[in-house]
Protein backbone atom coordinates (compact mmCIF):
# COMPACT_ATOMS: atom_id res chain seq x y z
CA MET A 1 82.12 221.60 132.36
CA ALA A 2 83.85 219.36 134.87
CA GLY A 3 86.84 217.27 133.85
CA ASP A 4 86.84 213.56 133.19
CA ASP A 5 88.01 212.53 136.66
CA GLY A 6 86.09 209.25 137.04
CA ASP A 7 83.32 210.71 139.15
CA TRP A 8 80.46 210.51 136.66
CA TRP A 9 77.13 208.87 137.49
CA PHE A 10 73.79 208.16 135.82
CA CYS A 11 70.84 209.15 138.02
CA LEU A 12 67.92 206.74 137.66
CA LYS A 13 65.57 209.11 139.46
CA HIS A 14 66.17 212.06 137.13
CA MET A 15 67.33 210.00 134.11
CA LYS A 16 70.39 212.18 133.59
CA VAL A 17 74.16 212.21 133.99
CA GLU A 18 75.57 213.72 137.18
CA HIS A 19 79.12 214.71 138.05
CA GLY A 20 80.42 214.49 141.59
CA PRO A 21 78.08 214.61 144.57
CA GLY A 22 74.46 214.32 143.60
CA CYS A 23 71.54 212.06 144.30
CA PRO A 24 71.93 209.20 146.79
CA GLY A 25 73.84 206.14 145.61
CA LYS A 26 70.66 204.04 145.67
CA ASP A 27 69.38 206.18 142.78
CA ARG A 28 72.57 206.15 140.71
CA MET A 29 74.64 203.87 138.50
CA GLY A 30 78.39 204.28 138.45
CA PRO A 31 80.89 205.70 138.88
CA TYR A 32 82.04 205.98 135.28
CA LYS A 33 85.27 207.42 133.92
CA SER A 34 83.60 209.91 131.60
CA GLU A 35 80.37 211.75 130.96
CA SER A 36 79.77 209.76 127.77
CA ALA A 37 80.25 206.44 129.59
CA ALA A 38 77.70 207.52 132.22
CA ALA A 39 75.30 208.56 129.46
CA ASP A 40 75.57 205.01 128.04
CA ALA A 41 74.86 203.37 131.43
CA LEU A 42 71.38 202.12 130.54
CA ALA A 43 72.51 200.71 127.20
CA LEU A 44 75.42 198.93 128.87
CA ALA A 45 73.14 197.48 131.55
CA ARG A 46 70.70 196.29 128.86
CA GLU A 47 73.53 194.60 126.92
CA ARG A 48 74.82 192.89 130.06
CA ASN A 49 71.34 191.69 131.03
CA GLU A 50 70.79 190.23 127.57
CA ALA A 51 74.15 188.45 127.72
CA TRP A 52 73.28 187.00 131.15
CA ARG A 53 69.90 185.81 129.86
CA ARG A 54 71.59 184.08 126.92
CA ASP A 55 74.11 182.45 129.27
CA ASP A 56 71.31 181.26 131.57
CA ALA A 57 69.38 179.84 128.63
CA GLU A 58 72.44 177.83 127.56
CA ASP A 59 72.83 176.19 131.01
């Protein structure tokens, strides 16, 4: 397994974590510092989107 060197990505095309070179950037989220952070990419994006919606609703 590759080390935690900050080159972790979540591939939206294959719905999996990638390390280092992989799918094109247009298909990936990241980079993340660790494999587990990349694995949580969709959950983090969902949380941020919900926070932005709440902020917009308050304006």
